[in-house]
């Protein structure tokens, strides 16, 4: 068993600590800093864990919340299991046999 890097997105918790309870409160603050996101994008940013995030947006969030990227992103180690090498080598696809009709 090995571990792979993982992370926990803490934006909602940091917003609550600063008294920002609604996702609609975050949109205008981001706009003031040059980050234009739709209300749906702001909601997804707060409610879900993003897979990718622009550095401009990350810097704006850190400025709004007076925090560092380390406060927003908590690194974790997730346990994963590797497939045995013998199973991987046996799972080669077979060549299709096509007969003329």
C-alpha atoms as a PDB file:
ATOM      1  CA  UNK A   1       0.000   0.000   0.000  1.00  0.00           C
ATOM      2  CA  UNK A   2       1.360   3.408  -0.963  1.00  0.00           C
ATOM      3  CA  UNK A   3       0.149   6.915  -0.321  1.00  0.00           C
ATOM      4  CA  UNK A   4      -0.559   9.627  -2.844  1.00  0.00           C
ATOM      5  CA  UNK A   5      -0.761  13.325  -2.104  1.00  0.00           C
ATOM      6  CA  UNK A   6      -4.217  14.676  -1.505  1.00  0.00           C
ATOM      7  CA  UNK A   7      -5.647  17.927  -0.283  1.00  0.00           C
ATOM      8  CA  UNK A   8      -8.591  19.390   1.572  1.00  0.00           C
ATOM      9  CA  UNK A   9     -10.117  22.670   0.329  1.00  0.00           C
ATOM     10  CA  UNK A  10     -10.872  24.943   3.297  1.00  0.00           C
ATOM     11  CA  UNK A  11     -12.429  27.992   1.583  1.00  0.00           C
ATOM     12  CA  UNK A  12     -15.868  27.572   3.166  1.00  0.00           C
ATOM     13  CA  UNK A  13     -14.383  27.361   6.660  1.00  0.00           C
ATOM     14  CA  UNK A  14     -12.165  30.417   6.159  1.00  0.00           C
ATOM     15  CA  UNK A  15     -15.105  32.384   4.767  1.00  0.00           C
ATOM     16  CA  UNK A  16     -17.140  31.523   7.873  1.00  0.00           C
ATOM     17  CA  UNK A  17     -14.253  32.621  10.107  1.00  0.00           C
ATOM     18  CA  UNK A  18     -14.323  36.030   8.377  1.00  0.00           C
ATOM     19  CA  UNK A  19     -18.123  36.347   8.604  1.00  0.00           C
ATOM     20  CA  UNK A  20     -18.813  35.634   4.926  1.00  0.00           C
ATOM     21  CA  UNK A  21     -21.747  33.239   5.102  1.00  0.00           C
ATOM     22  CA  UNK A  22     -23.109  33.352   1.555  1.00  0.00           C
ATOM     23  CA  UNK A  23     -21.325  32.569  -1.690  1.00  0.00           C
ATOM     24  CA  UNK A  24     -22.929  35.682  -3.185  1.00  0.00           C
ATOM     25  CA  UNK A  25     -20.836  37.771  -0.758  1.00  0.00           C
ATOM     26  CA  UNK A  26     -17.633  36.514  -2.368  1.00  0.00           C
ATOM     27  CA  UNK A  27     -18.402  37.465  -6.000  1.00  0.00           C
ATOM     28  CA  UNK A  28     -18.173  41.269  -5.592  1.00  0.00           C
ATOM     29  CA  UNK A  29     -15.003  40.944  -3.513  1.00  0.00           C
ATOM     30  CA  UNK A  30     -13.387  38.895  -6.276  1.00  0.00           C
ATOM     31  CA  UNK A  31     -14.549  41.420  -8.901  1.00  0.00           C
ATOM     32  CA  UNK A  32     -12.866  44.245  -6.973  1.00  0.00           C
ATOM     33  CA  UNK A  33      -9.612  42.338  -7.406  1.00  0.00           C
ATOM     34  CA  UNK A  34     -10.038  41.736 -11.129  1.00  0.00           C
ATOM     35  CA  UNK A  35     -11.397  38.167 -10.972  1.00  0.00           C
ATOM     36  CA  UNK A  36     -14.684  37.890 -12.857  1.00  0.00           C
ATOM     37  CA  UNK A  37     -16.627  34.719 -12.095  1.00  0.00           C
ATOM     38  CA  UNK A  38     -20.289  33.934 -12.618  1.00  0.00           C
ATOM     39  CA  UNK A  39     -22.440  33.247  -9.543  1.00  0.00           C
ATOM     40  CA  UNK A  40     -22.441  29.533 -10.471  1.00  0.00           C
ATOM     41  CA  UNK A  41     -18.633  29.488 -10.686  1.00  0.00           C
ATOM     42  CA  UNK A  42     -18.318  31.199  -7.290  1.00  0.00           C
ATOM     43  CA  UNK A  43     -20.726  28.673  -5.793  1.00  0.00           C
ATOM     44  CA  UNK A  44     -18.733  25.733  -7.212  1.00  0.00           C
ATOM     45  CA  UNK A  45     -15.488  27.292  -5.961  1.00  0.00           C
ATOM     46  CA  UNK A  46     -16.891  27.454  -2.426  1.00  0.00           C
ATOM     47  CA  UNK A  47     -18.996  24.278  -2.349  1.00  0.00           C
ATOM     48  CA  UNK A  48     -16.668  21.867  -4.178  1.00  0.00           C
ATOM     49  CA  UNK A  49     -12.991  21.064  -4.072  1.00  0.00           C
ATOM     50  CA  UNK A  50     -11.430  22.519  -7.230  1.00  0.00           C
ATOM     51  CA  UNK A  51      -9.170  20.340  -9.351  1.00  0.00           C
ATOM     52  CA  UNK A  52      -7.467  23.378 -10.867  1.00  0.00           C
ATOM     53  CA  UNK A  53      -7.405  27.022  -9.902  1.00  0.00           C
ATOM     54  CA  UNK A  54      -5.717  30.034 -11.482  1.00  0.00           C
ATOM     55  CA  UNK A  55      -3.031  31.743  -9.443  1.00  0.00           C
ATOM     56  CA  UNK A  56      -4.829  35.079  -9.896  1.00  0.00           C
ATOM     57  CA  UNK A  57      -7.946  33.620  -8.249  1.00  0.00           C
ATOM     58  CA  UNK A  58      -5.872  32.030  -5.482  1.00  0.00           C
ATOM     59  CA  UNK A  59      -4.087  35.332  -4.807  1.00  0.00           C
ATOM     60  CA  UNK A  60      -7.427  37.193  -4.728  1.00  0.00           C
ATOM     61  CA  UNK A  61      -8.895  34.675  -2.253  1.00  0.00           C
ATOM     62  CA  UNK A  62      -5.817  35.003  -0.033  1.00  0.00           C
ATOM     63  CA  UNK A  63      -6.120  38.812  -0.150  1.00  0.00           C
ATOM     64  CA  UNK A  64      -9.848  38.746   0.673  1.00  0.00           C
ATOM     65  CA  UNK A  65      -9.437  36.303   3.557  1.00  0.00           C
ATOM     66  CA  UNK A  66      -6.059  37.659   4.787  1.00  0.00           C
ATOM     67  CA  UNK A  67      -4.533  34.214   4.630  1.00  0.00           C
ATOM     68  CA  UNK A  68      -1.884  32.237   2.785  1.00  0.00           C
ATOM     69  CA  UNK A  69      -2.368  29.408   0.271  1.00  0.00           C
ATOM     70  CA  UNK A  70      -1.392  27.003   3.065  1.00  0.00           C
ATOM     71  CA  UNK A  71      -4.479  28.113   4.985  1.00  0.00           C
ATOM     72  CA  UNK A  72      -6.765  27.421   1.998  1.00  0.00           C
ATOM     73  CA  UNK A  73      -5.229  24.100   0.972  1.00  0.00           C
ATOM     74  CA  UNK A  74      -4.556  21.471   3.626  1.00  0.00           C
ATOM     75  CA  UNK A  75      -2.298  18.715   2.317  1.00  0.00           C
ATOM     76  CA  UNK A  76      -3.177  15.134   3.233  1.00  0.00           C
ATOM     77  CA  UNK A  77      -1.894  11.686   2.317  1.00  0.00           C
ATOM     78  CA  UNK A  78      -4.440   9.307   0.825  1.00  0.00           C
ATOM     79  CA  UNK A  79      -3.747   5.588   0.937  1.00  0.00           C
ATOM     80  CA  UNK A  80      -3.874   3.827  -2.408  1.00  0.00           C
ATOM     81  CA  UNK A  81      -3.305   0.250  -3.412  1.00  0.00           C
ATOM     82  CA  UNK A  82      -1.222  -0.591  -6.445  1.00  0.00           C
ATOM     83  CA  UNK A  83      -2.318  -3.295  -8.870  1.00  0.00           C
ATOM     84  CA  UNK A  84      -0.003  -6.309  -8.893  1.00  0.00           C
ATOM     85  CA  UNK A  85       2.376  -6.322 -11.860  1.00  0.00           C
ATOM     86  CA  UNK A  86       1.223  -9.789 -12.933  1.00  0.00           C
ATOM     87  CA  UNK A  87      -2.379  -8.637 -13.254  1.00  0.00           C
ATOM     88  CA  UNK A  88      -1.361  -5.680 -15.369  1.00  0.00           C
ATOM     89  CA  UNK A  89       0.718  -7.813 -17.735  1.00  0.00           C
ATOM     90  CA  UNK A  90      -2.124 -10.329 -18.248  1.00  0.00           C
ATOM     91  CA  UNK A  91      -4.721  -7.721 -19.133  1.00  0.00           C
ATOM     92  CA  UNK A  92      -3.407  -7.052 -22.653  1.00  0.00           C
ATOM     93  CA  UNK A  93      -6.130  -6.798 -25.256  1.00  0.00           C
ATOM     94  CA  UNK A  94      -6.450  -9.599 -27.798  1.00  0.00           C
ATOM     95  CA  UNK A  95      -6.248  -9.018 -31.500  1.00  0.00           C
ATOM     96  CA  UNK A  96      -9.677  -9.127 -33.141  1.00  0.00           C
ATOM     97  CA  UNK A  97     -10.272 -11.831 -35.752  1.00  0.00           C
ATOM     98  CA  UNK A  98     -12.191 -10.535 -38.715  1.00  0.00           C
ATOM     99  CA  UNK A  99     -13.487 -13.050 -41.203  1.00  0.00           C
ATOM    100  CA  UNK A 100     -14.483 -11.999 -44.728  1.00  0.00           C
ATOM    101  CA  UNK A 101     -18.176 -12.236 -45.450  1.00  0.00           C
END
